[in-house]
């Protein structure tokens, strides 16, 4: 599996099986990307050895990159 999106979706599937999807109380607005999806994206980047966020966001498809900006990704990570 060399595809970033395929890895992301597989890790997200496993995380959904083992945890609850609840928003933490510190979030005032409902985010476009859920906490579990952010964790899945972080784990996918680590799994694939992507150290640079710039490189990660260049590889993201339009579906994921429209949900989250780099600054929001950094804060929530």
C-alpha atoms as a PDB file:
ATOM      1  CA  UNK A   1       0.000   0.000   0.000  1.00  0.00           C
ATOM      2  CA  UNK A   2       1.911   3.005  -1.225  1.00  0.00           C
ATOM      3  CA  UNK A   3      -1.127   5.179  -1.694  1.00  0.00           C
ATOM      4  CA  UNK A   4      -1.580   7.814   1.026  1.00  0.00           C
ATOM      5  CA  UNK A   5      -5.368   7.870   0.793  1.00  0.00           C
ATOM      6  CA  UNK A   6      -5.659   4.072   0.902  1.00  0.00           C
ATOM      7  CA  UNK A   7      -3.466   3.953   4.006  1.00  0.00           C
ATOM      8  CA  UNK A   8      -5.441   6.793   5.588  1.00  0.00           C
ATOM      9  CA  UNK A   9      -8.766   5.063   5.015  1.00  0.00           C
ATOM     10  CA  UNK A  10      -7.475   1.718   6.339  1.00  0.00           C
ATOM     11  CA  UNK A  11      -6.098   3.290   9.525  1.00  0.00           C
ATOM     12  CA  UNK A  12      -9.333   5.268   9.974  1.00  0.00           C
ATOM     13  CA  UNK A  13     -11.351   2.063   9.623  1.00  0.00           C
ATOM     14  CA  UNK A  14      -9.306   0.349  12.345  1.00  0.00           C
ATOM     15  CA  UNK A  15      -9.552   3.374  14.661  1.00  0.00           C
ATOM     16  CA  UNK A  16     -13.333   3.504  14.250  1.00  0.00           C
ATOM     17  CA  UNK A  17     -13.565  -0.134  15.337  1.00  0.00           C
ATOM     18  CA  UNK A  18     -11.645   0.416  18.566  1.00  0.00           C
ATOM     19  CA  UNK A  19     -12.827   3.833  19.766  1.00  0.00           C
ATOM     20  CA  UNK A  20     -15.775   6.175  20.170  1.00  0.00           C
ATOM     21  CA  UNK A  21     -16.195   9.174  17.917  1.00  0.00           C
ATOM     22  CA  UNK A  22     -16.938  11.953  20.344  1.00  0.00           C
ATOM     23  CA  UNK A  23     -15.971  15.583  20.135  1.00  0.00           C
ATOM     24  CA  UNK A  24     -14.142  17.002  23.079  1.00  0.00           C
ATOM     25  CA  UNK A  25     -15.804  19.858  24.959  1.00  0.00           C
ATOM     26  CA  UNK A  26     -13.079  22.401  24.091  1.00  0.00           C
ATOM     27  CA  UNK A  27     -14.297  22.753  20.507  1.00  0.00           C
ATOM     28  CA  UNK A  28     -16.691  25.672  20.092  1.00  0.00           C
ATOM     29  CA  UNK A  29     -17.465  25.049  16.452  1.00  0.00           C
ATOM     30  CA  UNK A  30     -18.112  21.716  14.838  1.00  0.00           C
ATOM     31  CA  UNK A  31     -14.977  21.002  12.793  1.00  0.00           C
ATOM     32  CA  UNK A  32     -15.141  19.700   9.238  1.00  0.00           C
ATOM     33  CA  UNK A  33     -12.697  16.931  10.101  1.00  0.00           C
ATOM     34  CA  UNK A  34     -13.413  14.789  13.153  1.00  0.00           C
ATOM     35  CA  UNK A  35     -10.821  14.067  15.832  1.00  0.00           C
ATOM     36  CA  UNK A  36     -10.483  10.461  14.720  1.00  0.00           C
ATOM     37  CA  UNK A  37      -9.782  11.575  11.148  1.00  0.00           C
ATOM     38  CA  UNK A  38      -7.027  13.928  12.339  1.00  0.00           C
ATOM     39  CA  UNK A  39      -5.440  11.135  14.386  1.00  0.00           C
ATOM     40  CA  UNK A  40      -5.685   8.840  11.378  1.00  0.00           C
ATOM     41  CA  UNK A  41      -3.951  11.420   9.180  1.00  0.00           C
ATOM     42  CA  UNK A  42      -1.150  11.852  11.733  1.00  0.00           C
ATOM     43  CA  UNK A  43      -0.666   8.090  12.026  1.00  0.00           C
ATOM     44  CA  UNK A  44      -0.680   7.697   8.238  1.00  0.00           C
ATOM     45  CA  UNK A  45       2.026  10.326   7.856  1.00  0.00           C
ATOM     46  CA  UNK A  46       4.137   8.610  10.519  1.00  0.00           C
ATOM     47  CA  UNK A  47       3.562   5.182   8.966  1.00  0.00           C
ATOM     48  CA  UNK A  48       4.626   6.381   5.531  1.00  0.00           C
ATOM     49  CA  UNK A  49       7.650   8.247   6.890  1.00  0.00           C
ATOM     50  CA  UNK A  50       6.456  11.704   5.873  1.00  0.00           C
ATOM     51  CA  UNK A  51       8.293  14.112   8.176  1.00  0.00           C
ATOM     52  CA  UNK A  52       7.451  17.357   6.406  1.00  0.00           C
ATOM     53  CA  UNK A  53       3.947  18.781   6.703  1.00  0.00           C
ATOM     54  CA  UNK A  54       4.569  20.641   3.468  1.00  0.00           C
ATOM     55  CA  UNK A  55       5.205  17.319   1.724  1.00  0.00           C
ATOM     56  CA  UNK A  56       2.130  15.776   3.390  1.00  0.00           C
ATOM     57  CA  UNK A  57      -0.211  18.536   2.276  1.00  0.00           C
ATOM     58  CA  UNK A  58       1.157  18.391  -1.271  1.00  0.00           C
ATOM     59  CA  UNK A  59       0.230  14.701  -1.415  1.00  0.00           C
ATOM     60  CA  UNK A  60      -3.258  15.054   0.047  1.00  0.00           C
ATOM     61  CA  UNK A  61      -6.134  14.787  -2.347  1.00  0.00           C
ATOM     62  CA  UNK A  62      -8.766  17.474  -2.690  1.00  0.00           C
ATOM     63  CA  UNK A  63     -11.198  15.627  -0.430  1.00  0.00           C
ATOM     64  CA  UNK A  64      -8.989  15.774   2.645  1.00  0.00           C
ATOM     65  CA  UNK A  65      -7.216  19.065   1.970  1.00  0.00           C
ATOM     66  CA  UNK A  66     -10.583  20.864   1.730  1.00  0.00           C
ATOM     67  CA  UNK A  67     -11.519  19.643   5.210  1.00  0.00           C
ATOM     68  CA  UNK A  68      -8.491  20.971   7.096  1.00  0.00           C
ATOM     69  CA  UNK A  69      -5.843  23.686   6.764  1.00  0.00           C
ATOM     70  CA  UNK A  70      -2.249  23.309   7.868  1.00  0.00           C
ATOM     71  CA  UNK A  71      -2.601  25.671  10.824  1.00  0.00           C
ATOM     72  CA  UNK A  72      -5.699  23.870  12.083  1.00  0.00           C
ATOM     73  CA  UNK A  73      -3.950  20.529  11.545  1.00  0.00           C
ATOM     74  CA  UNK A  74      -1.019  21.681  13.681  1.00  0.00           C
ATOM     75  CA  UNK A  75      -3.224  22.883  16.530  1.00  0.00           C
ATOM     76  CA  UNK A  76      -5.373  19.778  16.615  1.00  0.00           C
ATOM     77  CA  UNK A  77      -2.463  17.386  16.172  1.00  0.00           C
END
